[in-house]
Amino acid sequence: MRLLLFPAVLALLAAGCAGEPRRETPLDPRATARLAAVTLDPAEATRIFNAYRASQGLGPVRLDPTLTAMAQRQADAMARANALSHDAAGSFAARVHAAGLDAARAAENLGGGYYSTEEAFAGWRASSGHDANLRMKEATRFGIALAKDPQTQYRAWWALVVAGEPEKRVEMSAGPVGWFGSNRPRN
């Protein structure tokens, strides 16, 4: 009995990783039109984000193409998988490393079902963990993306990646090899 139960439990766990099933029925025309109207204006996102940071006494952030591409891959992966997950495009740590970011100065906010940039930011501000990412004092840049699929649970999938400047690396030299001047041993 125990051996028969194990494959069933394993199958249930695997099914949970697959995300929700896609819709098979056509959408109501109003729902289709509403989703078609959802857009992401990067300038508006920058304005909204910086206005919020200024209201919190924080410095501005700038839109970054590397972070935007990273966010777009994540949003697309979530829509494809029909799953709101930080691991949809690979683990966040692996994605941060691949992008050459400083993991201590990077964060990600995800959202689903928001039909405007303002709704996405309002949802993130209302969540303490996401809000902390918006208020990351080291943040200087961000990327934001939207993916849409009418056959999925949320239809509109959002990803925001926030990061600080990479830590400057200082190369240390052991100094010259050999004996010169005052460091020469005396006999």
N, C-alpha and C. Protein backbone atom coordinates (compact mmCIF):
# COMPACT_ATOMS: atom_id res chain seq x y z
N MET A 1 0.82 -1.19 0.00
CA MET A 1 0.00 0.00 0.00
C MET A 1 0.88 1.26 0.00
N ARG A 2 1.91 1.26 0.83
CA ARG A 2 2.80 2.40 0.91
C ARG A 2 3.48 2.69 -0.43
N LEU A 3 3.91 1.64 -1.14
CA LEU A 3 4.57 1.82 -2.42
C LEU A 3 3.63 2.38 -3.47
N LEU A 4 2.35 2.07 -3.39
CA LEU A 4 1.38 2.61 -4.34
C LEU A 4 1.07 4.07 -4.05
N LEU A 5 1.12 4.45 -2.80
CA LEU A 5 0.81 5.81 -2.41
C LEU A 5 1.91 6.79 -2.82
N PHE A 6 3.16 6.36 -2.80
CA PHE A 6 4.28 7.24 -3.12
C PHE A 6 4.18 7.82 -4.54
N PRO A 7 3.95 7.00 -5.60
CA PRO A 7 3.84 7.59 -6.93
C PRO A 7 2.67 8.59 -7.04
N ALA A 8 1.58 8.32 -6.33
CA ALA A 8 0.44 9.24 -6.38
C ALA A 8 0.80 10.58 -5.76
N VAL A 9 1.49 10.56 -4.63
CA VAL A 9 1.91 11.80 -3.97
C VAL A 9 2.90 12.54 -4.86
N LEU A 10 3.83 11.82 -5.45
CA LEU A 10 4.82 12.42 -6.35
C LEU A 10 4.14 13.08 -7.55
N ALA A 11 3.12 12.44 -8.11
CA ALA A 11 2.39 13.00 -9.25
C ALA A 11 1.66 14.28 -8.85
N LEU A 12 1.09 14.30 -7.66
CA LEU A 12 0.39 15.50 -7.18
C LEU A 12 1.36 16.66 -6.99
N LEU A 13 2.53 16.37 -6.44
CA LEU A 13 3.53 17.42 -6.25
C LEU A 13 4.00 17.98 -7.58
N ALA A 14 4.24 17.11 -8.55
CA ALA A 14 4.68 17.55 -9.88
C ALA A 14 3.60 18.38 -10.55
N ALA A 15 2.35 18.01 -10.39
CA ALA A 15 1.25 18.76 -10.99
C ALA A 15 1.17 20.16 -10.39
N GLY A 16 1.47 20.30 -9.12
CA GLY A 16 1.45 21.60 -8.46
C GLY A 16 2.50 22.55 -9.02
N CYS A 17 3.59 22.02 -9.55
CA CYS A 17 4.65 22.86 -10.12
C CYS A 17 4.30 23.34 -11.53
N ALA A 18 3.31 22.71 -12.13
CA ALA A 18 2.99 23.02 -13.52
C ALA A 18 2.15 24.29 -13.67
N GLY A 19 1.66 24.84 -12.60
CA GLY A 19 0.81 26.02 -12.69
C GLY A 19 -0.64 25.62 -12.93
N GLU A 20 -1.48 26.61 -13.08
CA GLU A 20 -2.91 26.37 -13.31
C GLU A 20 -3.13 25.93 -14.75
N PRO A 21 -4.19 25.15 -14.99
CA PRO A 21 -4.49 24.80 -16.39
C PRO A 21 -4.94 26.05 -17.15
N ARG A 22 -4.65 26.07 -18.43
CA ARG A 22 -5.05 27.20 -19.26
C ARG A 22 -6.55 27.14 -19.53
N ARG A 23 -7.13 28.32 -19.77
CA ARG A 23 -8.55 28.40 -20.11
C ARG A 23 -8.76 27.79 -21.49
N GLU A 24 -9.80 27.05 -21.64
CA GLU A 24 -10.12 26.45 -22.93
C GLU A 24 -11.27 27.18 -23.61
N THR A 25 -12.06 27.91 -22.83
CA THR A 25 -13.22 28.59 -23.39
C THR A 25 -12.82 29.98 -23.87
N PRO A 26 -13.51 30.47 -24.89
CA PRO A 26 -13.19 31.83 -25.36
C PRO A 26 -13.54 32.87 -24.30
N LEU A 27 -12.79 33.96 -24.31
CA LEU A 27 -13.05 35.05 -23.37
C LEU A 27 -14.23 35.88 -23.84
N ASP A 28 -14.89 36.46 -22.89
CA ASP A 28 -15.93 37.43 -23.16
C ASP A 28 -15.28 38.59 -23.93
N PRO A 29 -15.94 39.14 -24.95
CA PRO A 29 -15.33 40.23 -25.73
C PRO A 29 -14.91 41.43 -24.88
N ARG A 30 -15.66 41.73 -23.81
CA ARG A 30 -15.27 42.85 -22.94
C ARG A 30 -13.97 42.54 -22.22
N ALA A 31 -13.82 41.28 -21.76
CA ALA A 31 -12.58 40.89 -21.09
C ALA A 31 -11.40 40.94 -22.05
N THR A 32 -11.64 40.53 -23.29
CA THR A 32 -10.58 40.58 -24.31
C THR A 32 -10.17 42.03 -24.57
N ALA A 33 -11.14 42.91 -24.69
CA ALA A 33 -10.84 44.32 -24.93
C ALA A 33 -10.12 44.94 -23.75
N ARG A 34 -10.54 44.57 -22.55
CA ARG A 34 -9.90 45.12 -21.34
C ARG A 34 -8.43 44.70 -21.28
N LEU A 35 -8.15 43.41 -21.57
CA LEU A 35 -6.77 42.93 -21.55
C LEU A 35 -5.95 43.58 -22.66
N ALA A 36 -6.55 43.76 -23.83
CA ALA A 36 -5.84 44.39 -24.94
C ALA A 36 -5.42 45.81 -24.60
N ALA A 37 -6.19 46.47 -23.73
CA ALA A 37 -5.88 47.85 -23.36
C ALA A 37 -4.77 47.96 -22.32
N VAL A 38 -4.36 46.84 -21.72
CA VAL A 38 -3.31 46.87 -20.71
C VAL A 38 -1.97 47.12 -21.40
N THR A 39 -1.29 48.17 -20.99
CA THR A 39 0.01 48.49 -21.57
C THR A 39 0.98 48.88 -20.47
N LEU A 40 2.22 48.84 -20.81
CA LEU A 40 3.27 49.29 -19.90
C LEU A 40 4.01 50.43 -20.58
N ASP A 41 3.95 51.59 -19.99
CA ASP A 41 4.69 52.75 -20.47
C ASP A 41 5.88 52.94 -19.51
N PRO A 42 7.09 52.65 -19.99
CA PRO A 42 8.26 52.76 -19.11
C PRO A 42 8.43 54.14 -18.48
N ALA A 43 8.09 55.20 -19.21
CA ALA A 43 8.21 56.55 -18.65
C ALA A 43 7.22 56.74 -17.51
N GLU A 44 6.00 56.22 -17.67
CA GLU A 44 5.01 56.31 -16.59
C GLU A 44 5.48 55.50 -15.38
N ALA A 45 6.02 54.31 -15.62
CA ALA A 45 6.52 53.48 -14.52
C ALA A 45 7.62 54.21 -13.76
N THR A 46 8.52 54.86 -14.49
CA THR A 46 9.60 55.61 -13.86
C THR A 46 9.04 56.76 -13.02
N ARG A 47 8.05 57.47 -13.57
CA ARG A 47 7.43 58.58 -12.84
C ARG A 47 6.75 58.08 -11.56
N ILE A 48 5.97 57.03 -11.66
CA ILE A 48 5.27 56.47 -10.50
C ILE A 48 6.27 56.01 -9.44
N PHE A 49 7.27 55.28 -9.87
CA PHE A 49 8.27 54.72 -8.95
C PHE A 49 9.03 55.84 -8.25
N ASN A 50 9.50 56.81 -9.02
CA ASN A 50 10.30 57.89 -8.42
C ASN A 50 9.47 58.81 -7.54
N ALA A 51 8.20 59.04 -7.90
CA ALA A 51 7.33 59.84 -7.04
C ALA A 51 7.15 59.15 -5.68
N TYR A 52 6.97 57.83 -5.71
CA TYR A 52 6.81 57.10 -4.45
C TYR A 52 8.10 57.15 -3.64
N ARG A 53 9.23 56.91 -4.28
CA ARG A 53 10.51 56.94 -3.56
C ARG A 53 10.76 58.32 -2.98
N ALA A 54 10.46 59.38 -3.72
CA ALA A 54 10.65 60.75 -3.21
C ALA A 54 9.76 60.98 -1.99
N SER A 55 8.54 60.45 -2.01
CA SER A 55 7.64 60.63 -0.86
C SER A 55 8.15 59.90 0.38
N GLN A 56 9.06 58.97 0.18
CA GLN A 56 9.65 58.22 1.28
C GLN A 56 11.05 58.74 1.64
N GLY A 57 11.45 59.83 1.01
CA GLY A 57 12.77 60.42 1.28
C GLY A 57 13.91 59.67 0.62
N LEU A 58 13.61 58.94 -0.45
CA LEU A 58 14.64 58.14 -1.13
C LEU A 58 15.00 58.74 -2.48
N GLY A 59 16.18 58.41 -2.95
CA GLY A 59 16.64 58.92 -4.24
C GLY A 59 15.95 58.24 -5.40
N PRO A 60 16.09 58.83 -6.59
CA PRO A 60 15.44 58.28 -7.78
C PRO A 60 16.14 57.03 -8.30
N VAL A 61 15.41 56.30 -9.13
CA VAL A 61 15.95 55.15 -9.85
C VAL A 61 15.79 55.42 -11.34
N ARG A 62 16.62 54.80 -12.13
CA ARG A 62 16.53 54.98 -13.58
C ARG A 62 16.22 53.63 -14.23
N LEU A 63 15.54 53.68 -15.35
CA LEU A 63 15.22 52.47 -16.10
C LEU A 63 16.51 51.91 -16.67
N ASP A 64 16.71 50.62 -16.50
CA ASP A 64 17.95 49.97 -16.92
C ASP A 64 17.62 48.87 -17.94
N PRO A 65 18.25 48.87 -19.10
CA PRO A 65 17.91 47.87 -20.13
C PRO A 65 18.21 46.42 -19.72
N THR A 66 19.27 46.21 -18.96
CA THR A 66 19.59 44.85 -18.52
C THR A 66 18.52 44.34 -17.56
N LEU A 67 18.11 45.19 -16.62
CA LEU A 67 17.08 44.79 -15.67
C LEU A 67 15.72 44.64 -16.35
N THR A 68 15.46 45.47 -17.34
CA THR A 68 14.21 45.36 -18.09
C THR A 68 14.15 44.04 -18.84
N ALA A 69 15.25 43.65 -19.48
CA ALA A 69 15.29 42.36 -20.18
C ALA A 69 15.12 41.21 -19.20
N MET A 70 15.74 41.32 -18.04
CA MET A 70 15.60 40.28 -17.00
C MET A 70 14.14 40.19 -16.54
N ALA A 71 13.50 41.33 -16.34
CA ALA A 71 12.09 41.36 -15.92
C ALA A 71 11.20 40.78 -17.01
N GLN A 72 11.50 41.09 -18.27
CA GLN A 72 10.67 40.58 -19.37
C GLN A 72 10.76 39.06 -19.47
N ARG A 73 11.96 38.51 -19.32
CA ARG A 73 12.11 37.04 -19.34
C ARG A 73 11.28 36.41 -18.23
N GLN A 74 11.27 37.05 -17.05
CA GLN A 74 10.51 36.52 -15.92
C GLN A 74 9.01 36.60 -16.18
N ALA A 75 8.52 37.75 -16.65
CA ALA A 75 7.10 37.92 -16.94
C ALA A 75 6.64 36.92 -18.01
N ASP A 76 7.43 36.78 -19.07
CA ASP A 76 7.10 35.82 -20.13
C ASP A 76 7.06 34.39 -19.60
N ALA A 77 8.02 34.04 -18.76
CA ALA A 77 8.08 32.67 -18.20
C ALA A 77 6.87 32.40 -17.30
N MET A 78 6.46 33.40 -16.51
CA MET A 78 5.29 33.20 -15.65
C MET A 78 4.03 33.00 -16.49
N ALA A 79 3.88 33.80 -17.55
CA ALA A 79 2.72 33.65 -18.42
C ALA A 79 2.73 32.28 -19.10
N ARG A 80 3.89 31.86 -19.58
CA ARG A 80 4.02 30.54 -20.22
C ARG A 80 3.66 29.42 -19.27
N ALA A 81 4.15 29.53 -18.02
CA ALA A 81 3.90 28.49 -17.02
C ALA A 81 2.55 28.65 -16.33
N ASN A 82 1.91 29.81 -16.53
CA ASN A 82 0.66 30.14 -15.85
C ASN A 82 0.85 30.00 -14.34
N ALA A 83 1.97 30.53 -13.85
CA ALA A 83 2.31 30.42 -12.43
C ALA A 83 3.02 31.69 -11.98
N LEU A 84 2.51 32.27 -10.90
CA LEU A 84 3.15 33.44 -10.29
C LEU A 84 4.25 32.92 -9.38
N SER A 85 5.49 32.92 -9.88
CA SER A 85 6.59 32.28 -9.16
C SER A 85 7.91 32.98 -9.46
N HIS A 86 8.71 33.17 -8.41
CA HIS A 86 10.04 33.75 -8.59
C HIS A 86 10.98 32.78 -9.31
N ASP A 87 10.57 31.53 -9.47
CA ASP A 87 11.43 30.53 -10.11
C ASP A 87 10.99 30.20 -11.53
N ALA A 88 10.01 30.90 -12.07
CA ALA A 88 9.48 30.57 -13.40
C ALA A 88 10.56 30.63 -14.48
N ALA A 89 11.48 31.59 -14.40
CA ALA A 89 12.56 31.73 -15.39
C ALA A 89 13.89 31.26 -14.81
N GLY A 90 13.85 30.43 -13.78
CA GLY A 90 15.04 30.00 -13.06
C GLY A 90 15.07 30.72 -11.73
N SER A 91 15.87 30.25 -10.82
CA SER A 91 15.91 30.86 -9.49
C SER A 91 16.37 32.32 -9.59
N PHE A 92 15.84 33.15 -8.70
CA PHE A 92 16.22 34.56 -8.72
C PHE A 92 17.73 34.70 -8.53
N ALA A 93 18.30 33.92 -7.63
CA ALA A 93 19.76 34.00 -7.39
C ALA A 93 20.53 33.69 -8.67
N ALA A 94 20.11 32.67 -9.41
CA ALA A 94 20.80 32.31 -10.65
C ALA A 94 20.64 33.40 -11.70
N ARG A 95 19.45 33.98 -11.78
CA ARG A 95 19.22 35.05 -12.76
C ARG A 95 20.01 36.30 -12.42
N VAL A 96 20.10 36.61 -11.13
CA VAL A 96 20.89 37.77 -10.68
C VAL A 96 22.36 37.56 -11.04
N HIS A 97 22.86 36.36 -10.75
CA HIS A 97 24.26 36.05 -11.05
C HIS A 97 24.52 36.14 -12.56
N ALA A 98 23.62 35.57 -13.37
CA ALA A 98 23.80 35.59 -14.82
C ALA A 98 23.79 37.01 -15.38
N ALA A 99 23.05 37.90 -14.74
CA ALA A 99 23.00 39.30 -15.20
C ALA A 99 24.16 40.11 -14.67
N GLY A 100 25.01 39.51 -13.83
CA GLY A 100 26.16 40.22 -13.28
C GLY A 100 25.80 41.22 -12.20
N LEU A 101 24.68 40.98 -11.51
CA LEU A 101 24.24 41.90 -10.46
C LEU A 101 24.81 41.49 -9.11
N ASP A 102 24.85 42.44 -8.21
CA ASP A 102 25.24 42.19 -6.83
C ASP A 102 23.99 41.70 -6.10
N ALA A 103 23.97 40.44 -5.69
CA ALA A 103 22.79 39.83 -5.10
C ALA A 103 22.31 40.56 -3.85
N ALA A 104 23.20 41.18 -3.12
CA ALA A 104 22.81 41.90 -1.90
C ALA A 104 22.08 43.20 -2.23
N ARG A 105 22.17 43.63 -3.48
CA ARG A 105 21.55 44.89 -3.89
C ARG A 105 20.55 44.67 -5.02
N ALA A 106 19.83 43.56 -4.99
CA ALA A 106 18.84 43.27 -6.03
C ALA A 106 17.61 42.64 -5.40
N ALA A 107 16.45 42.97 -5.96
CA ALA A 107 15.18 42.41 -5.47
C ALA A 107 14.21 42.34 -6.63
N GLU A 108 13.16 41.56 -6.43
CA GLU A 108 12.18 41.36 -7.50
C GLU A 108 10.77 41.39 -6.92
N ASN A 109 9.89 42.10 -7.62
CA ASN A 109 8.46 42.10 -7.30
C ASN A 109 7.72 41.49 -8.48
N LEU A 110 6.78 40.62 -8.19
CA LEU A 110 5.96 40.00 -9.22
C LEU A 110 4.51 40.33 -8.94
N GLY A 111 3.70 40.31 -9.96
CA GLY A 111 2.27 40.53 -9.78
C GLY A 111 1.50 39.93 -10.92
N GLY A 112 0.25 39.61 -10.65
CA GLY A 112 -0.62 39.07 -11.68
C GLY A 112 -2.01 39.66 -11.56
N GLY A 113 -2.63 39.92 -12.69
CA GLY A 113 -3.99 40.42 -12.70
C GLY A 113 -4.12 41.92 -12.60
N TYR A 114 -3.03 42.65 -12.58
CA TYR A 114 -3.11 44.11 -12.56
C TYR A 114 -3.32 44.61 -14.00
N TYR A 115 -4.26 45.54 -14.17
CA TYR A 115 -4.59 46.01 -15.50
C TYR A 115 -4.04 47.39 -15.81
N SER A 116 -3.12 47.87 -15.00
CA SER A 116 -2.40 49.12 -15.29
C SER A 116 -1.11 49.14 -14.47
N THR A 117 -0.20 49.99 -14.90
CA THR A 117 1.05 50.17 -14.17
C THR A 117 0.75 50.68 -12.76
N GLU A 118 -0.19 51.63 -12.66
CA GLU A 118 -0.55 52.17 -11.35
C GLU A 118 -1.10 51.08 -10.43
N GLU A 119 -1.94 50.18 -10.97
CA GLU A 119 -2.47 49.07 -10.16
C GLU A 119 -1.34 48.17 -9.66
N ALA A 120 -0.37 47.89 -10.53
CA ALA A 120 0.75 47.04 -10.13
C ALA A 120 1.52 47.68 -8.98
N PHE A 121 1.85 48.96 -9.12
CA PHE A 121 2.59 49.63 -8.04
C PHE A 121 1.75 49.73 -6.77
N ALA A 122 0.45 49.98 -6.89
CA ALA A 122 -0.42 50.04 -5.71
C ALA A 122 -0.44 48.69 -5.00
N GLY A 123 -0.49 47.62 -5.76
CA GLY A 123 -0.47 46.28 -5.15
C GLY A 123 0.84 46.02 -4.43
N TRP A 124 1.95 46.43 -5.04
CA TRP A 124 3.26 46.23 -4.41
C TRP A 124 3.40 47.09 -3.16
N ARG A 125 2.89 48.32 -3.20
CA ARG A 125 2.97 49.18 -2.01
C ARG A 125 2.14 48.61 -0.86
N ALA A 126 1.07 47.90 -1.18
CA ALA A 126 0.18 47.34 -0.15
C ALA A 126 0.73 46.07 0.49
N SER A 127 1.81 45.52 -0.05
CA SER A 127 2.43 44.30 0.47
C SER A 127 3.75 44.67 1.13
N SER A 128 3.91 44.35 2.41
CA SER A 128 5.10 44.81 3.13
C SER A 128 6.41 44.36 2.49
N GLY A 129 6.49 43.13 2.04
CA GLY A 129 7.73 42.65 1.42
C GLY A 129 8.02 43.34 0.11
N HIS A 130 6.98 43.50 -0.72
CA HIS A 130 7.17 44.18 -2.00
C HIS A 130 7.47 45.67 -1.79
N ASP A 131 6.80 46.25 -0.81
CA ASP A 131 7.03 47.66 -0.50
C ASP A 131 8.48 47.89 -0.06
N ALA A 132 9.00 46.96 0.73
CA ALA A 132 10.41 47.07 1.17
C ALA A 132 11.34 47.08 -0.04
N ASN A 133 11.01 46.29 -1.06
CA ASN A 133 11.82 46.29 -2.28
C ASN A 133 11.73 47.63 -3.00
N LEU A 134 10.53 48.21 -3.05
CA LEU A 134 10.38 49.53 -3.68
C LEU A 134 11.17 50.60 -2.94
N ARG A 135 11.30 50.40 -1.62
CA ARG A 135 11.99 51.39 -0.79
C ARG A 135 13.44 51.02 -0.50
N MET A 136 14.01 50.09 -1.24
CA MET A 136 15.40 49.69 -1.02
C MET A 136 16.29 50.92 -1.20
N LYS A 137 16.94 51.32 -0.12
CA LYS A 137 17.69 52.59 -0.19
C LYS A 137 18.87 52.51 -1.15
N GLU A 138 19.45 51.34 -1.37
CA GLU A 138 20.59 51.21 -2.28
C GLU A 138 20.17 51.22 -3.75
N ALA A 139 18.88 51.11 -4.03
CA ALA A 139 18.41 51.01 -5.42
C ALA A 139 18.72 52.28 -6.20
N THR A 140 19.23 52.07 -7.42
CA THR A 140 19.51 53.18 -8.32
C THR A 140 18.93 52.93 -9.71
N ARG A 141 18.48 51.71 -9.95
CA ARG A 141 17.98 51.35 -11.28
C ARG A 141 16.92 50.27 -11.16
N PHE A 142 16.15 50.12 -12.22
CA PHE A 142 15.10 49.11 -12.21
C PHE A 142 14.75 48.70 -13.63
N GLY A 143 14.07 47.58 -13.73
CA GLY A 143 13.49 47.13 -14.98
C GLY A 143 12.09 46.64 -14.68
N ILE A 144 11.19 46.86 -15.59
CA ILE A 144 9.80 46.45 -15.39
C ILE A 144 9.29 45.87 -16.70
N ALA A 145 8.43 44.85 -16.58
CA ALA A 145 7.92 44.19 -17.78
C ALA A 145 6.51 43.68 -17.55
N LEU A 146 5.82 43.49 -18.66
CA LEU A 146 4.45 42.99 -18.69
C LEU A 146 4.36 41.91 -19.75
N ALA A 147 3.72 40.80 -19.41
CA ALA A 147 3.41 39.76 -20.40
C ALA A 147 1.91 39.48 -20.28
N LYS A 148 1.27 39.23 -21.41
CA LYS A 148 -0.17 38.99 -21.39
C LYS A 148 -0.49 37.68 -22.09
N ASP A 149 -1.44 36.96 -21.51
CA ASP A 149 -1.97 35.75 -22.14
C ASP A 149 -3.40 35.57 -21.65
N PRO A 150 -4.38 35.74 -22.52
CA PRO A 150 -5.77 35.68 -22.09
C PRO A 150 -6.22 34.31 -21.62
N GLN A 151 -5.47 33.28 -21.93
CA GLN A 151 -5.85 31.93 -21.54
C GLN A 151 -5.29 31.52 -20.18
N THR A 152 -4.64 32.44 -19.46
CA THR A 152 -4.03 32.12 -18.18
C THR A 152 -4.85 32.67 -17.02
N GLN A 153 -4.48 32.23 -15.83
CA GLN A 153 -5.19 32.61 -14.60
C GLN A 153 -5.26 34.13 -14.41
N TYR A 154 -4.12 34.82 -14.52
CA TYR A 154 -4.08 36.26 -14.25
C TYR A 154 -4.18 37.13 -15.50
N ARG A 155 -3.93 36.56 -16.63
CA ARG A 155 -3.97 37.24 -17.93
C ARG A 155 -2.87 38.28 -18.11
N ALA A 156 -2.65 39.13 -17.10
CA ALA A 156 -1.58 40.15 -17.15
C ALA A 156 -0.56 39.81 -16.07
N TRP A 157 0.68 39.65 -16.47
CA TRP A 157 1.76 39.21 -15.58
C TRP A 157 2.82 40.31 -15.53
N TRP A 158 3.19 40.74 -14.33
CA TRP A 158 4.13 41.84 -14.14
C TRP A 158 5.38 41.37 -13.40
N ALA A 159 6.52 41.92 -13.79
CA ALA A 159 7.78 41.67 -13.08
C ALA A 159 8.55 42.98 -12.98
N LEU A 160 9.08 43.23 -11.81
CA LEU A 160 9.90 44.42 -11.54
C LEU A 160 11.18 43.94 -10.88
N VAL A 161 12.31 44.37 -11.40
CA VAL A 161 13.61 44.05 -10.80
C VAL A 161 14.25 45.38 -10.40
N VAL A 162 14.69 45.45 -9.16
CA VAL A 162 15.31 46.66 -8.60
C VAL A 162 16.73 46.30 -8.20
N ALA A 163 17.67 47.19 -8.45
CA ALA A 163 19.06 46.90 -8.07
C ALA A 163 19.83 48.18 -7.80
N GLY A 164 20.86 48.02 -7.02
CA GLY A 164 21.81 49.10 -6.79
C GLY A 164 22.95 48.97 -7.77
N GLU A 165 23.84 49.91 -7.71
CA GLU A 165 25.03 49.84 -8.56
C GLU A 165 25.90 48.68 -8.09
N PRO A 166 26.56 48.02 -9.02
CA PRO A 166 27.45 46.94 -8.61
C PRO A 166 28.54 47.49 -7.70
N GLU A 167 28.94 46.70 -6.75
CA GLU A 167 30.01 47.11 -5.84
C GLU A 167 31.30 47.20 -6.65
N LYS A 168 32.01 48.29 -6.47
CA LYS A 168 33.27 48.45 -7.19
C LYS A 168 34.29 47.46 -6.63
N ARG A 169 34.93 46.78 -7.53
CA ARG A 169 35.93 45.80 -7.13
C ARG A 169 37.30 46.47 -7.12
N VAL A 170 38.04 46.24 -6.06
CA VAL A 170 39.38 46.81 -5.93
C VAL A 170 40.37 45.66 -6.02
N GLU A 171 41.30 45.78 -6.94
CA GLU A 171 42.30 44.74 -7.06
C GLU A 171 43.45 45.06 -6.13
N MET A 172 43.84 44.09 -5.38
CA MET A 172 44.94 44.25 -4.44
C MET A 172 46.18 43.59 -5.03
N SER A 173 47.29 44.26 -4.87
CA SER A 173 48.54 43.73 -5.37
C SER A 173 49.40 43.32 -4.17
N ALA A 174 50.07 42.23 -4.32
CA ALA A 174 50.98 41.78 -3.27
C ALA A 174 52.26 42.60 -3.28
N GLY A 175 52.39 43.46 -4.26
CA GLY A 175 53.60 44.28 -4.35
C GLY A 175 54.63 43.60 -5.22
N PRO A 176 55.74 44.23 -5.39
CA PRO A 176 56.78 43.66 -6.26
C PRO A 176 57.40 42.41 -5.65
N VAL A 177 57.80 41.54 -6.52
CA VAL A 177 58.48 40.33 -6.07
C VAL A 177 59.99 40.61 -6.15
N GLY A 178 60.69 40.31 -5.09
CA GLY A 178 62.13 40.55 -5.08
C GLY A 178 62.49 41.54 -3.99
N TRP A 179 63.78 41.80 -3.87
CA TRP A 179 64.26 42.68 -2.80
C TRP A 179 64.71 43.99 -3.40
N PHE A 180 64.20 45.06 -2.83
CA PHE A 180 64.58 46.38 -3.31
C PHE A 180 64.83 47.28 -2.11
N GLY A 181 65.78 48.12 -2.21
CA GLY A 181 66.06 49.14 -1.22
C GLY A 181 66.03 48.65 0.21
N SER A 182 65.14 49.22 1.03
CA SER A 182 65.14 48.98 2.45
C SER A 182 64.60 47.61 2.86
N ASN A 183 63.96 46.87 1.96
CA ASN A 183 63.47 45.56 2.38
C ASN A 183 64.48 44.45 2.07
N ARG A 184 65.67 44.83 1.59
CA ARG A 184 66.69 43.83 1.28
C ARG A 184 67.27 43.31 2.60
N PRO A 185 67.37 42.01 2.76
CA PRO A 185 67.94 41.48 4.01
C PRO A 185 69.43 41.84 4.13
N ARG A 186 69.84 42.09 5.35
CA ARG A 186 71.25 42.43 5.58
C ARG A 186 71.98 41.18 6.07
N ASN A 187 73.17 41.03 5.60
CA ASN A 187 73.98 39.86 5.99
C ASN A 187 74.81 40.15 7.20
